[in-house]
Amino acid sequence: MAITMQDIIESNRIKREACENCKEDLKNILTSEQLEKFEDAFYSAV
């Protein structure tokens, strides 16, 4: 099965959505700096 550009776009959308959901859940727990580090770590991991 070949990976299409549409698959990549959808995958990136899902990753972005998951990251934003996590950041929303953590916004009252972590500082802005920590949220930025979380986002960097999230995208490094995925």
Protein backbone atom coordinates (compact mmCIF):
# COMPACT_ATOMS: atom_id res chain seq x y z
CA MET A 1 0.00 0.00 0.00
CA ALA A 2 1.42 3.37 -0.99
CA ILE A 3 1.30 6.36 1.31
CA THR A 4 -0.36 9.28 -0.41
CA MET A 5 0.01 13.00 0.18
CA GLN A 6 -3.54 12.94 1.56
CA ASP A 7 -2.44 10.33 4.13
CA ILE A 8 0.43 12.57 5.25
CA ILE A 9 -1.82 15.62 5.47
CA GLU A 10 -4.38 13.70 7.53
CA SER A 11 -1.67 12.28 9.80
CA ASN A 12 -0.29 15.77 10.44
CA ARG A 13 -3.78 17.08 11.17
CA ILE A 14 -4.41 14.32 13.69
CA LYS A 15 -1.03 14.94 15.38
CA ARG A 16 -1.69 18.69 15.57
CA GLU A 17 -5.16 18.08 17.01
CA ALA A 18 -3.83 15.63 19.61
CA CYS A 19 -1.09 18.04 20.66
CA GLU A 20 -3.54 20.94 20.99
CA ASN A 21 -5.92 18.78 23.05
CA CYS A 22 -3.10 17.80 25.40
CA LYS A 23 -1.91 21.39 25.72
CA GLU A 24 -5.47 22.51 26.50
CA ASP A 25 -5.67 19.91 29.28
CA LEU A 26 -2.31 21.03 30.68
CA LYS A 27 -2.69 24.81 30.36
CA ASN A 28 -3.64 25.31 34.03
CA ILE A 29 -0.93 22.92 35.22
CA LEU A 30 2.15 23.90 33.19
CA THR A 31 3.71 27.29 32.55
CA SER A 32 3.84 28.71 29.02
CA GLU A 33 7.50 27.70 28.81
CA GLN A 34 6.68 24.17 29.93
CA LEU A 35 3.87 23.96 27.36
CA GLU A 36 6.33 24.94 24.63
CA LYS A 37 8.72 22.23 25.83
CA PHE A 38 5.83 19.76 25.91
CA GLU A 39 4.95 20.63 22.30
CA ASP A 40 8.58 20.16 21.21
CA ALA A 41 8.75 16.80 22.99
CA PHE A 42 5.39 15.72 21.57
CA TYR A 43 6.43 16.35 17.98
CA SER A 44 9.84 14.76 18.57
CA ALA A 45 8.12 11.63 19.84
CA VAL A 46 5.56 11.34 17.07
